[in-house]
Amino acid sequence: MTTTYIRTGDCAKRKVPGAGEVAEIMNEQLCGAKNGLAMLRWLGAGEKIEAQAKQNEHQLIYLMDGKGVIALNGKDYEVGKGAGIYLGPNEQASVRQAGSAPLKLFHLVVPKPAS
């Protein structure tokens, strides 16, 4: 197994209408990861992401900077730096920016392990 250093600041960002910017920081092309996708996301005022884990995947969303609101099971939770949410198969949540600064997120998607 080799270690790959990825300069995340050099990863290409792309805009997602209504959902800020996203940069893939772990995937097969960058580091040979076949069983996962990691992204950095930036949300500004009025922007949010809708996360929905498929039947065979898990997701982790970690707030790296800023303030936001996580909507889960019909309830809103005000959160800040260091908060996170885990979504198991078929679970969903949304994360939106709140406060005066942009919200920076780490978003990891991995397949459900085989039984």
PDB file of N, CA and C in Angstrom:
ATOM      1  N   MET A   1       0.837  -1.165   0.000  1.00  0.00           N
ATOM      2  CA  MET A   1       0.000   0.000   0.000  1.00  0.00           C
ATOM      3  C   MET A   1       0.892   1.242   0.000  1.00  0.00           C
ATOM      4  N   THR A   2       0.587   2.186  -0.846  1.00  0.00           N
ATOM      5  CA  THR A   2       1.364   3.417  -0.899  1.00  0.00           C
ATOM      6  C   THR A   2       0.552   4.573  -0.335  1.00  0.00           C
ATOM      7  N   THR A   3       1.256   5.581   0.084  1.00  0.00           N
ATOM      8  CA  THR A   3       0.613   6.789   0.590  1.00  0.00           C
ATOM      9  C   THR A   3       0.643   7.834  -0.514  1.00  0.00           C
ATOM     10  N   THR A   4      -0.480   8.465  -0.753  1.00  0.00           N
ATOM     11  CA  THR A   4      -0.584   9.504  -1.767  1.00  0.00           C
ATOM     12  C   THR A   4      -0.918  10.815  -1.093  1.00  0.00           C
ATOM     13  N   TYR A   5      -0.109  11.836  -1.334  1.00  0.00           N
ATOM     14  CA  TYR A   5      -0.375  13.163  -0.802  1.00  0.00           C
ATOM     15  C   TYR A   5      -1.156  13.945  -1.847  1.00  0.00           C
ATOM     16  N   ILE A   6      -2.301  14.467  -1.439  1.00  0.00           N
ATOM     17  CA  ILE A   6      -3.148  15.231  -2.347  1.00  0.00           C
ATOM     18  C   ILE A   6      -3.231  16.663  -1.820  1.00  0.00           C
ATOM     19  N   ARG A   7      -2.808  17.612  -2.623  1.00  0.00           N
ATOM     20  CA  ARG A   7      -2.919  19.027  -2.260  1.00  0.00           C
ATOM     21  C   ARG A   7      -4.354  19.456  -2.546  1.00  0.00           C
ATOM     22  N   THR A   8      -5.189  19.387  -1.505  1.00  0.00           N
ATOM     23  CA  THR A   8      -6.617  19.641  -1.720  1.00  0.00           C
ATOM     24  C   THR A   8      -6.890  21.034  -2.268  1.00  0.00           C
ATOM     25  N   GLY A   9      -6.029  21.997  -1.971  1.00  0.00           N
ATOM     26  CA  GLY A   9      -6.195  23.346  -2.508  1.00  0.00           C
ATOM     27  C   GLY A   9      -6.011  23.401  -4.013  1.00  0.00           C
ATOM     28  N   ASP A  10      -5.343  22.392  -4.569  1.00  0.00           N
ATOM     29  CA  ASP A  10      -5.117  22.330  -6.015  1.00  0.00           C
ATOM     30  C   ASP A  10      -6.211  21.559  -6.750  1.00  0.00           C
ATOM     31  N   CYS A  11      -7.118  20.915  -6.026  1.00  0.00           N
ATOM     32  CA  CYS A  11      -8.187  20.149  -6.661  1.00  0.00           C
ATOM     33  C   CYS A  11      -9.198  21.104  -7.297  1.00  0.00           C
ATOM     34  N   ALA A  12      -9.632  20.758  -8.487  1.00  0.00           N
ATOM     35  CA  ALA A  12     -10.554  21.620  -9.233  1.00  0.00           C
ATOM     36  C   ALA A  12     -11.903  21.734  -8.534  1.00  0.00           C
ATOM     37  N   LYS A  13     -12.358  22.968  -8.355  1.00  0.00           N
ATOM     38  CA  LYS A  13     -13.689  23.230  -7.804  1.00  0.00           C
ATOM     39  C   LYS A  13     -14.659  23.398  -8.955  1.00  0.00           C
ATOM     40  N   ARG A  14     -15.903  22.964  -8.724  1.00  0.00           N
ATOM     41  CA  ARG A  14     -16.946  23.231  -9.711  1.00  0.00           C
ATOM     42  C   ARG A  14     -18.176  23.738  -8.986  1.00  0.00           C
ATOM     43  N   LYS A  15     -18.888  24.622  -9.635  1.00  0.00           N
ATOM     44  CA  LYS A  15     -20.105  25.177  -9.056  1.00  0.00           C
ATOM     45  C   LYS A  15     -21.267  24.222  -9.288  1.00  0.00           C
ATOM     46  N   VAL A  16     -22.129  24.117  -8.285  1.00  0.00           N
ATOM     47  CA  VAL A  16     -23.343  23.320  -8.366  1.00  0.00           C
ATOM     48  C   VAL A  16     -24.492  24.295  -8.085  1.00  0.00           C
ATOM     49  N   PRO A  17     -25.377  24.533  -9.060  1.00  0.00           N
ATOM     50  CA  PRO A  17     -26.437  25.524  -8.868  1.00  0.00           C
ATOM     51  C   PRO A  17     -27.220  25.303  -7.569  1.00  0.00           C
ATOM     52  N   GLY A  18     -27.235  26.331  -6.712  1.00  0.00           N
ATOM     53  CA  GLY A  18     -27.947  26.279  -5.444  1.00  0.00           C
ATOM     54  C   GLY A  18     -27.265  25.491  -4.350  1.00  0.00           C
ATOM     55  N   ALA A  19     -26.149  24.821  -4.699  1.00  0.00           N
ATOM     56  CA  ALA A  19     -25.461  23.963  -3.731  1.00  0.00           C
ATOM     57  C   ALA A  19     -23.975  24.298  -3.614  1.00  0.00           C
ATOM     58  N   GLY A  20     -23.612  25.542  -3.888  1.00  0.00           N
ATOM     59  CA  GLY A  20     -22.244  26.009  -3.672  1.00  0.00           C
ATOM     60  C   GLY A  20     -21.213  25.452  -4.628  1.00  0.00           C
ATOM     61  N   GLU A  21     -20.039  25.178  -4.077  1.00  0.00           N
ATOM     62  CA  GLU A  21     -18.929  24.636  -4.854  1.00  0.00           C
ATOM     63  C   GLU A  21     -18.499  23.306  -4.252  1.00  0.00           C
ATOM     64  N   VAL A  22     -17.938  22.450  -5.102  1.00  0.00           N
ATOM     65  CA  VAL A  22     -17.475  21.142  -4.658  1.00  0.00           C
ATOM     66  C   VAL A  22     -16.157  20.815  -5.341  1.00  0.00           C
ATOM     67  N   ALA A  23     -15.259  20.154  -4.594  1.00  0.00           N
ATOM     68  CA  ALA A  23     -13.995  19.663  -5.140  1.00  0.00           C
ATOM     69  C   ALA A  23     -13.814  18.230  -4.664  1.00  0.00           C
ATOM     70  N   GLU A  24     -13.622  17.316  -5.591  1.00  0.00           N
ATOM     71  CA  GLU A  24     -13.330  15.931  -5.210  1.00  0.00           C
ATOM     72  C   GLU A  24     -11.885  15.860  -4.743  1.00  0.00           C
ATOM     73  N   ILE A  25     -11.687  15.293  -3.550  1.00  0.00           N
ATOM     74  CA  ILE A  25     -10.337  15.206  -2.992  1.00  0.00           C
ATOM     75  C   ILE A  25      -9.862  13.771  -2.817  1.00  0.00           C
ATOM     76  N   MET A  26     -10.767  12.810  -3.030  1.00  0.00           N
ATOM     77  CA  MET A  26     -10.398  11.399  -3.001  1.00  0.00           C
ATOM     78  C   MET A  26     -11.309  10.675  -3.979  1.00  0.00           C
ATOM     79  N   ASN A  27     -10.707  10.078  -4.975  1.00  0.00           N
ATOM     80  CA  ASN A  27     -11.439   9.266  -5.948  1.00  0.00           C
ATOM     81  C   ASN A  27     -10.429   8.355  -6.633  1.00  0.00           C
ATOM     82  N   GLU A  28     -10.888   7.553  -7.571  1.00  0.00           N
ATOM     83  CA  GLU A  28      -9.974   6.613  -8.230  1.00  0.00           C
ATOM     84  C   GLU A  28      -8.898   7.332  -9.033  1.00  0.00           C
ATOM     85  N   GLN A  29      -9.261   8.409  -9.708  1.00  0.00           N
ATOM     86  CA  GLN A  29      -8.300   9.136 -10.543  1.00  0.00           C
ATOM     87  C   GLN A  29      -7.209   9.811  -9.702  1.00  0.00           C
ATOM     88  N   LEU A  30      -7.588  10.409  -8.581  1.00  0.00           N
ATOM     89  CA  LEU A  30      -6.610  11.126  -7.759  1.00  0.00           C
ATOM     90  C   LEU A  30      -5.667  10.196  -7.002  1.00  0.00           C
ATOM     91  N   CYS A  31      -6.216   9.114  -6.434  1.00  0.00           N
ATOM     92  CA  CYS A  31      -5.381   8.298  -5.546  1.00  0.00           C
ATOM     93  C   CYS A  31      -5.662   6.806  -5.625  1.00  0.00           C
ATOM     94  N   GLY A  32      -6.442   6.388  -6.615  1.00  0.00           N
ATOM     95  CA  GLY A  32      -6.708   4.959  -6.772  1.00  0.00           C
ATOM     96  C   GLY A  32      -7.817   4.422  -5.884  1.00  0.00           C
ATOM     97  N   ALA A  33      -8.563   5.311  -5.213  1.00  0.00           N
ATOM     98  CA  ALA A  33      -9.648   4.869  -4.319  1.00  0.00           C
ATOM     99  C   ALA A  33     -10.785   4.283  -5.145  1.00  0.00           C
ATOM    100  N   LYS A  34     -11.040   3.001  -4.982  1.00  0.00           N
ATOM    101  CA  LYS A  34     -12.091   2.328  -5.743  1.00  0.00           C
ATOM    102  C   LYS A  34     -13.391   2.226  -4.947  1.00  0.00           C
ATOM    103  N   ASN A  35     -13.307   2.408  -3.642  1.00  0.00           N
ATOM    104  CA  ASN A  35     -14.476   2.192  -2.793  1.00  0.00           C
ATOM    105  C   ASN A  35     -14.865   3.433  -2.005  1.00  0.00           C
ATOM    106  N   GLY A  36     -14.724   4.583  -2.581  1.00  0.00           N
ATOM    107  CA  GLY A  36     -15.132   5.777  -1.859  1.00  0.00           C
ATOM    108  C   GLY A  36     -14.910   7.030  -2.659  1.00  0.00           C
ATOM    109  N   LEU A  37     -15.597   8.059  -2.249  1.00  0.00           N
ATOM    110  CA  LEU A  37     -15.484   9.378  -2.849  1.00  0.00           C
ATOM    111  C   LEU A  37     -15.512  10.386  -1.715  1.00  0.00           C
ATOM    112  N   ALA A  38     -14.512  11.252  -1.660  1.00  0.00           N
ATOM    113  CA  ALA A  38     -14.484  12.308  -0.651  1.00  0.00           C
ATOM    114  C   ALA A  38     -14.471  13.653  -1.359  1.00  0.00           C
ATOM    115  N   MET A  39     -15.238  14.584  -0.803  1.00  0.00           N
ATOM    116  CA  MET A  39     -15.365  15.913  -1.397  1.00  0.00           C
ATOM    117  C   MET A  39     -15.247  16.984  -0.329  1.00  0.00           C
ATOM    118  N   LEU A  40     -14.747  18.132  -0.718  1.00  0.00           N
ATOM    119  CA  LEU A  40     -14.874  19.340   0.082  1.00  0.00           C
ATOM    120  C   LEU A  40     -15.984  20.136  -0.569  1.00  0.00           C
ATOM    121  N   ARG A  41     -16.839  20.742   0.254  1.00  0.00           N
ATOM    122  CA  ARG A  41     -17.958  21.542  -0.240  1.00  0.00           C
ATOM    123  C   ARG A  41     -17.945  22.886   0.471  1.00  0.00           C
ATOM    124  N   TRP A  42     -18.315  23.922  -0.265  1.00  0.00           N
ATOM    125  CA  TRP A  42     -18.423  25.256   0.284  1.00  0.00           C
ATOM    126  C   TRP A  42     -19.819  25.783  -0.032  1.00  0.00           C
ATOM    127  N   LEU A  43     -20.541  26.204   1.011  1.00  0.00           N
ATOM    128  CA  LEU A  43     -21.887  26.738   0.832  1.00  0.00           C
ATOM    129  C   LEU A  43     -21.909  28.191   1.280  1.00  0.00           C
ATOM    130  N   GLY A  44     -22.516  29.045   0.460  1.00  0.00           N
ATOM    131  CA  GLY A  44     -22.691  30.447   0.807  1.00  0.00           C
ATOM    132  C   GLY A  44     -24.137  30.706   1.198  1.00  0.00           C
ATOM    133  N   ALA A  45     -24.460  31.968   1.371  1.00  0.00           N
ATOM    134  CA  ALA A  45     -25.806  32.373   1.782  1.00  0.00           C
ATOM    135  C   ALA A  45     -26.861  31.792   0.844  1.00  0.00           C
ATOM    136  N   GLY A  46     -27.877  31.158   1.423  1.00  0.00           N
ATOM    137  CA  GLY A  46     -28.986  30.603   0.654  1.00  0.00           C
ATOM    138  C   GLY A  46     -28.704  29.281  -0.034  1.00  0.00           C
ATOM    139  N   GLU A  47     -27.515  28.715   0.165  1.00  0.00           N
ATOM    140  CA  GLU A  47     -27.166  27.456  -0.504  1.00  0.00           C
ATOM    141  C   GLU A  47     -27.293  26.275   0.457  1.00  0.00           C
ATOM    142  N   LYS A  48     -27.600  25.107  -0.120  1.00  0.00           N
ATOM    143  CA  LYS A  48     -27.699  23.891   0.692  1.00  0.00           C
ATOM    144  C   LYS A  48     -27.407  22.681  -0.181  1.00  0.00           C
ATOM    145  N   ILE A  49     -27.088  21.586   0.500  1.00  0.00           N
ATOM    146  CA  ILE A  49     -26.933  20.313  -0.191  1.00  0.00           C
ATOM    147  C   ILE A  49     -28.007  19.367   0.324  1.00  0.00           C
ATOM    148  N   GLU A  50     -28.467  18.520  -0.567  1.00  0.00           N
ATOM    149  CA  GLU A  50     -29.403  17.443  -0.235  1.00  0.00           C
ATOM    150  C   GLU A  50     -28.602  16.154  -0.338  1.00  0.00           C
ATOM    151  N   ALA A  51     -28.397  15.502   0.779  1.00  0.00           N
ATOM    152  CA  ALA A  51     -27.630  14.252   0.796  1.00  0.00           C
ATOM    153  C   ALA A  51     -28.586  13.092   0.983  1.00  0.00           C
ATOM    154  N   GLN A  52     -28.450  12.094   0.124  1.00  0.00           N
ATOM    155  CA  GLN A  52     -29.278  10.902   0.240  1.00  0.00           C
ATOM    156  C   GLN A  52     -28.411   9.685  -0.044  1.00  0.00           C
ATOM    157  N   ALA A  53     -28.248   8.857   0.973  1.00  0.00           N
ATOM    158  CA  ALA A  53     -27.474   7.637   0.802  1.00  0.00           C
ATOM    159  C   ALA A  53     -28.328   6.632   0.033  1.00  0.00           C
ATOM    160  N   LYS A  54     -27.736   6.033  -0.966  1.00  0.00           N
ATOM    161  CA  LYS A  54     -28.441   5.002  -1.737  1.00  0.00           C
ATOM    162  C   LYS A  54     -28.542   3.735  -0.901  1.00  0.00           C
ATOM    163  N   GLN A  55     -29.205   2.740  -1.450  1.00  0.00           N
ATOM    164  CA  GLN A  55     -29.432   1.489  -0.726  1.00  0.00           C
ATOM    165  C   GLN A  55     -28.132   0.841  -0.256  1.00  0.00           C
ATOM    166  N   ASN A  56     -27.083   0.986  -1.037  1.00  0.00           N
ATOM    167  CA  ASN A  56     -25.832   0.300  -0.706  1.00  0.00           C
ATOM    168  C   ASN A  56     -24.691   1.253  -0.372  1.00  0.00           C
ATOM    169  N   GLU A  57     -24.991   2.381   0.280  1.00  0.00           N
ATOM    170  CA  GLU A  57     -23.894   3.268   0.639  1.00  0.00           C
ATOM    171  C   GLU A  57     -24.136   3.964   1.978  1.00  0.00           C
ATOM    172  N   HIS A  58     -23.043   4.488   2.501  1.00  0.00           N
ATOM    173  CA  HIS A  58     -23.041   5.266   3.737  1.00  0.00           C
ATOM    174  C   HIS A  58     -22.452   6.630   3.403  1.00  0.00           C
ATOM    175  N   GLN A  59     -22.875   7.664   4.132  1.00  0.00           N
ATOM    176  CA  GLN A  59     -22.327   8.998   3.928  1.00  0.00           C
ATOM    177  C   GLN A  59     -22.011   9.627   5.280  1.00  0.00           C
ATOM    178  N   LEU A  60     -20.956  10.414   5.282  1.00  0.00           N
ATOM    179  CA  LEU A  60     -20.562  11.191   6.444  1.00  0.00           C
ATOM    180  C   LEU A  60     -20.355  12.620   5.987  1.00  0.00           C
ATOM    181  N   ILE A  61     -20.982  13.566   6.683  1.00  0.00           N
ATOM    182  CA  ILE A  61     -20.800  14.983   6.382  1.00  0.00           C
ATOM    183  C   ILE A  61     -20.312  15.651   7.659  1.00  0.00           C
ATOM    184  N   TYR A  62     -19.144  16.296   7.584  1.00  0.00           N
ATOM    185  CA  TYR A  62     -18.494  16.918   8.739  1.00  0.00           C
ATOM    186  C   TYR A  62     -18.329  18.404   8.467  1.00  0.00           C
ATOM    187  N   LEU A  63     -18.760  19.245   9.403  1.00  0.00           N
ATOM    188  CA  LEU A  63     -18.643  20.692   9.255  1.00  0.00           C
ATOM    189  C   LEU A  63     -17.259  21.140   9.696  1.00  0.00           C
ATOM    190  N   MET A  64     -16.473  21.624   8.750  1.00  0.00           N
ATOM    191  CA  MET A  64     -15.107  22.033   9.022  1.00  0.00           C
ATOM    192  C   MET A  64     -15.005  23.487   9.456  1.00  0.00           C
ATOM    193  N   ASP A  65     -15.914  24.325   8.969  1.00  0.00           N
ATOM    194  CA  ASP A  65     -15.858  25.746   9.285  1.00  0.00           C
ATOM    195  C   ASP A  65     -17.210  26.377   9.017  1.00  0.00           C
ATOM    196  N   GLY A  66     -17.584  27.352   9.827  1.00  0.00           N
ATOM    197  CA  GLY A  66     -18.827  28.076   9.633  1.00  0.00           C
ATOM    198  C   GLY A  66     -19.966  27.500  10.459  1.00  0.00           C
ATOM    199  N   LYS A  67     -21.160  28.030  10.194  1.00  0.00           N
ATOM    200  CA  LYS A  67     -22.375  27.595  10.885  1.00  0.00           C
ATOM    201  C   LYS A  67     -23.394  27.146   9.868  1.00  0.00           C
ATOM    202  N   GLY A  68     -24.219  26.174  10.269  1.00  0.00           N
ATOM    203  CA  GLY A  68     -25.220  25.658   9.350  1.00  0.00           C
ATOM    204  C   GLY A  68     -26.417  25.101  10.080  1.00  0.00           C
ATOM    205  N   VAL A  69     -27.332  24.565   9.295  1.00  0.00           N
ATOM    206  CA  VAL A  69     -28.525  23.903   9.826  1.00  0.00           C
ATOM    207  C   VAL A  69     -28.640  22.563   9.112  1.00  0.00           C
ATOM    208  N   ILE A  70     -28.731  21.493   9.896  1.00  0.00           N
ATOM    209  CA  ILE A  70     -28.953  20.161   9.350  1.00  0.00           C
ATOM    210  C   ILE A  70     -30.431  19.832   9.540  1.00  0.00           C
ATOM    211  N   ALA A  71     -31.105  19.472   8.465  1.00  0.00           N
ATOM    212  CA  ALA A  71     -32.501  19.043   8.527  1.00  0.00           C
ATOM    213  C   ALA A  71     -32.521  17.521   8.420  1.00  0.00           C
ATOM    214  N   LEU A  72     -33.077  16.884   9.452  1.00  0.00           N
ATOM    215  CA  LEU A  72     -33.099  15.430   9.525  1.00  0.00           C
ATOM    216  C   LEU A  72     -34.423  14.994  10.133  1.00  0.00           C
ATOM    217  N   ASN A  73     -35.130  14.108   9.446  1.00  0.00           N
ATOM    218  CA  ASN A  73     -36.405  13.577   9.938  1.00  0.00           C
ATOM    219  C   ASN A  73     -37.392  14.681  10.315  1.00  0.00           C
ATOM    220  N   GLY A  74     -37.454  15.731   9.485  1.00  0.00           N
ATOM    221  CA  GLY A  74     -38.423  16.800   9.698  1.00  0.00           C
ATOM    222  C   GLY A  74     -38.062  17.798  10.782  1.00  0.00           C
ATOM    223  N   LYS A  75     -36.854  17.729  11.325  1.00  0.00           N
ATOM    224  CA  LYS A  75     -36.433  18.646  12.372  1.00  0.00           C
ATOM    225  C   LYS A  75     -35.133  19.331  11.982  1.00  0.00           C
ATOM    226  N   ASP A  76     -35.016  20.626  12.298  1.00  0.00           N
ATOM    227  CA  ASP A  76     -33.806  21.401  12.028  1.00  0.00           C
ATOM    228  C   ASP A  76     -32.909  21.441  13.260  1.00  0.00           C
ATOM    229  N   TYR A  77     -31.592  21.278  13.021  1.00  0.00           N
ATOM    230  CA  TYR A  77     -30.606  21.336  14.086  1.00  0.00           C
ATOM    231  C   TYR A  77     -29.559  22.381  13.717  1.00  0.00           C
ATOM    232  N   GLU A  78     -29.407  23.415  14.530  1.00  0.00           N
ATOM    233  CA  GLU A  78     -28.365  24.419  14.305  1.00  0.00           C
ATOM    234  C   GLU A  78     -27.040  23.808  14.732  1.00  0.00           C
ATOM    235  N   VAL A  79     -26.043  23.900  13.855  1.00  0.00           N
ATOM    236  CA  VAL A  79     -24.755  23.255  14.103  1.00  0.00           C
ATOM    237  C   VAL A  79     -23.615  24.190  13.724  1.00  0.00           C
ATOM    238  N   GLY A  80     -22.431  23.864  14.196  1.00  0.00           N
ATOM    239  CA  GLY A  80     -21.239  24.634  13.883  1.00  0.00           C
ATOM    240  C   GLY A  80     -20.048  23.729  13.671  1.00  0.00           C
ATOM    241  N   LYS A  81     -18.899  24.351  13.561  1.00  0.00           N
ATOM    242  CA  LYS A  81     -17.638  23.650  13.327  1.00  0.00           C
ATOM    243  C   LYS A  81     -17.503  22.460  14.277  1.00  0.00           C
ATOM    244  N   GLY A  82     -17.169  21.312  13.718  1.00  0.00           N
ATOM    245  CA  GLY A  82     -16.980  20.104  14.504  1.00  0.00           C
ATOM    246  C   GLY A  82     -18.187  19.187  14.542  1.00  0.00           C
ATOM    247  N   ALA A  83     -19.324  19.674  14.085  1.00  0.00           N
ATOM    248  CA  ALA A  83     -20.529  18.840  14.053  1.00  0.00           C
ATOM    249  C   ALA A  83     -20.503  17.967  12.804  1.00  0.00           C
ATOM    250  N   GLY A  84     -21.304  16.931  12.818  1.00  0.00           N
ATOM    251  CA  GLY A  84     -21.369  16.070  11.645  1.00  0.00           C
ATOM    252  C   GLY A  84     -22.625  15.240  11.654  1.00  0.00           C
ATOM    253  N   ILE A  85     -22.826  14.551  10.556  1.00  0.00           N
ATOM    254  CA  ILE A  85     -23.984  13.680  10.433  1.00  0.00           C
ATOM    255  C   ILE A  85     -23.573  12.434   9.653  1.00  0.00           C
ATOM    256  N   TYR A  86     -24.076  11.296  10.099  1.00  0.00           N
ATOM    257  CA  TYR A  86     -23.865  10.024   9.420  1.00  0.00           C
ATOM    258  C   TYR A  86     -25.198   9.604   8.817  1.00  0.00           C
ATOM    259  N   LEU A  87     -25.175   9.187   7.564  1.00  0.00           N
ATOM    260  CA  LEU A  87     -26.367   8.676   6.889  1.00  0.00           C
ATOM    261  C   LEU A  87     -26.119   7.231   6.485  1.00  0.00           C
ATOM    262  N   GLY A  88     -26.945   6.342   6.990  1.00  0.00           N
ATOM    263  CA  GLY A  88     -26.882   4.947   6.596  1.00  0.00           C
ATOM    264  C   GLY A  88     -27.671   4.738   5.310  1.00  0.00           C
ATOM    265  N   PRO A  89     -27.678   3.523   4.777  1.00  0.00           N
ATOM    266  CA  PRO A  89     -28.406   3.253   3.536  1.00  0.00           C
ATOM    267  C   PRO A  89     -29.849   3.770   3.581  1.00  0.00           C
ATOM    268  N   ASN A  90     -30.240   4.437   2.512  1.00  0.00           N
ATOM    269  CA  ASN A  90     -31.584   4.987   2.316  1.00  0.00           C
ATOM    270  C   ASN A  90     -31.952   6.138   3.252  1.00  0.00           C
ATOM    271  N   GLU A  91     -31.019   6.693   3.998  1.00  0.00           N
ATOM    272  CA  GLU A  91     -31.308   7.851   4.847  1.00  0.00           C
ATOM    273  C   GLU A  91     -30.975   9.133   4.086  1.00  0.00           C
ATOM    274  N   GLN A  92     -31.620  10.223   4.476  1.00  0.00           N
ATOM    275  CA  GLN A  92     -31.382  11.494   3.803  1.00  0.00           C
ATOM    276  C   GLN A  92     -31.419  12.651   4.786  1.00  0.00           C
ATOM    277  N   ALA A  93     -30.757  13.726   4.415  1.00  0.00           N
ATOM    278  CA  ALA A  93     -30.720  14.945   5.217  1.00  0.00           C
ATOM    279  C   ALA A  93     -30.313  16.085   4.298  1.00  0.00           C
ATOM    280  N   SER A  94     -30.535  17.304   4.753  1.00  0.00           N
ATOM    281  CA  SER A  94     -30.017  18.453   4.020  1.00  0.00           C
ATOM    282  C   SER A  94     -29.169  19.280   4.978  1.00  0.00           C
ATOM    283  N   VAL A  95     -28.206  19.998   4.407  1.00  0.00           N
ATOM    284  CA  VAL A  95     -27.347  20.896   5.177  1.00  0.00           C
ATOM    285  C   VAL A  95     -27.369  22.232   4.458  1.00  0.00           C
ATOM    286  N   ARG A  96     -27.676  23.293   5.211  1.00  0.00           N
ATOM    287  CA  ARG A  96     -27.676  24.623   4.606  1.00  0.00           C
ATOM    288  C   ARG A  96     -26.800  25.560   5.426  1.00  0.00           C
ATOM    289  N   GLN A  97     -26.276  26.557   4.747  1.00  0.00           N
ATOM    290  CA  GLN A  97     -25.416  27.545   5.372  1.00  0.00           C
ATOM    291  C   GLN A  97     -26.258  28.477   6.235  1.00  0.00           C
ATOM    292  N   ALA A  98     -25.704  28.898   7.367  1.00  0.00           N
ATOM    293  CA  ALA A  98     -26.322  29.891   8.244  1.00  0.00           C
ATOM    294  C   ALA A  98     -25.193  30.785   8.765  1.00  0.00           C
ATOM    295  N   GLY A  99     -25.515  31.941   9.220  1.00  0.00           N
ATOM    296  CA  GLY A  99     -24.476  32.819   9.746  1.00  0.00           C
ATOM    297  C   GLY A  99     -23.883  33.690   8.665  1.00  0.00           C
ATOM    298  N   SER A 100     -22.800  34.376   9.007  1.00  0.00           N
ATOM    299  CA  SER A 100     -22.215  35.361   8.093  1.00  0.00           C
ATOM    300  C   SER A 100     -21.069  34.810   7.242  1.00  0.00           C
ATOM    301  N   ALA A 101     -20.496  33.698   7.638  1.00  0.00           N
ATOM    302  CA  ALA A 101     -19.350  33.133   6.905  1.00  0.00           C
ATOM    303  C   ALA A 101     -19.788  31.926   6.084  1.00  0.00           C
ATOM    304  N   PRO A 102     -19.059  31.630   5.018  1.00  0.00           N
ATOM    305  CA  PRO A 102     -19.357  30.422   4.242  1.00  0.00           C
ATOM    306  C   PRO A 102     -19.213  29.171   5.115  1.00  0.00           C
ATOM    307  N   LEU A 103     -19.905  28.125   4.729  1.00  0.00           N
ATOM    308  CA  LEU A 103     -19.859  26.838   5.423  1.00  0.00           C
ATOM    309  C   LEU A 103     -18.965  25.904   4.610  1.00  0.00           C
ATOM    310  N   LYS A 104     -17.972  25.308   5.262  1.00  0.00           N
ATOM    311  CA  LYS A 104     -17.074  24.356   4.599  1.00  0.00           C
ATOM    312  C   LYS A 104     -17.360  22.975   5.158  1.00  0.00           C
ATOM    313  N   LEU A 105     -17.579  22.010   4.260  1.00  0.00           N
ATOM    314  CA  LEU A 105     -17.944  20.651   4.638  1.00  0.00           C
ATOM    315  C   LEU A 105     -16.975  19.630   4.058  1.00  0.00           C
ATOM    316  N   PHE A 106     -16.773  18.547   4.779  1.00  0.00           N
ATOM    317  CA  PHE A 106     -16.109  17.353   4.260  1.00  0.00           C
ATOM    318  C   PHE A 106     -17.221  16.332   4.066  1.00  0.00           C
ATOM    319  N   HIS A 107     -17.343  15.776   2.861  1.00  0.00           N
ATOM    320  CA  HIS A 107     -18.434  14.856   2.531  1.00  0.00           C
ATOM    321  C   HIS A 107     -17.813  13.561   2.000  1.00  0.00           C
ATOM    322  N   LEU A 108     -18.041  12.460   2.713  1.00  0.00           N
ATOM    323  CA  LEU A 108     -17.487  11.164   2.353  1.00  0.00           C
ATOM    324  C   LEU A 108     -18.625  10.214   2.000  1.00  0.00           C
ATOM    325  N   VAL A 109     -18.489   9.533   0.863  1.00  0.00           N
ATOM    326  CA  VAL A 109     -19.480   8.548   0.406  1.00  0.00           C
ATOM    327  C   VAL A 109     -18.754   7.231   0.196  1.00  0.00           C
ATOM    328  N   VAL A 110     -19.221   6.169   0.878  1.00  0.00           N
ATOM    329  CA  VAL A 110     -18.615   4.844   0.728  1.00  0.00           C
ATOM    330  C   VAL A 110     -19.695   3.796   0.548  1.00  0.00           C
ATOM    331  N   PRO A 111     -19.397   2.730  -0.199  1.00  0.00           N
ATOM    332  CA  PRO A 111     -20.396   1.674  -0.375  1.00  0.00           C
ATOM    333  C   PRO A 111     -20.564   0.857   0.902  1.00  0.00           C
ATOM    334  N   LYS A 112     -21.737   0.281   1.038  1.00  0.00           N
ATOM    335  CA  LYS A 112     -22.033  -0.609   2.156  1.00  0.00           C
ATOM    336  C   LYS A 112     -21.182  -1.864   2.006  1.00  0.00           C
ATOM    337  N   PRO A 113     -20.495  -2.273   3.089  1.00  0.00           N
ATOM    338  CA  PRO A 113     -19.681  -3.495   2.992  1.00  0.00           C
ATOM    339  C   PRO A 113     -20.549  -4.713   2.656  1.00  0.00           C
ATOM    340  N   ALA A 114     -19.990  -5.639   1.915  1.00  0.00           N
ATOM    341  CA  ALA A 114     -20.705  -6.868   1.595  1.00  0.00           C
ATOM    342  C   ALA A 114     -20.874  -7.697   2.852  1.00  0.00           C
ATOM    343  N   SER A 115     -22.034  -8.333   2.988  1.00  0.00           N
ATOM    344  CA  SER A 115     -22.303  -9.160   4.187  1.00  0.00           C
ATOM    345  C   SER A 115     -21.610 -10.497   4.090  1.00  0.00           C
TER     346      SER A 115
END
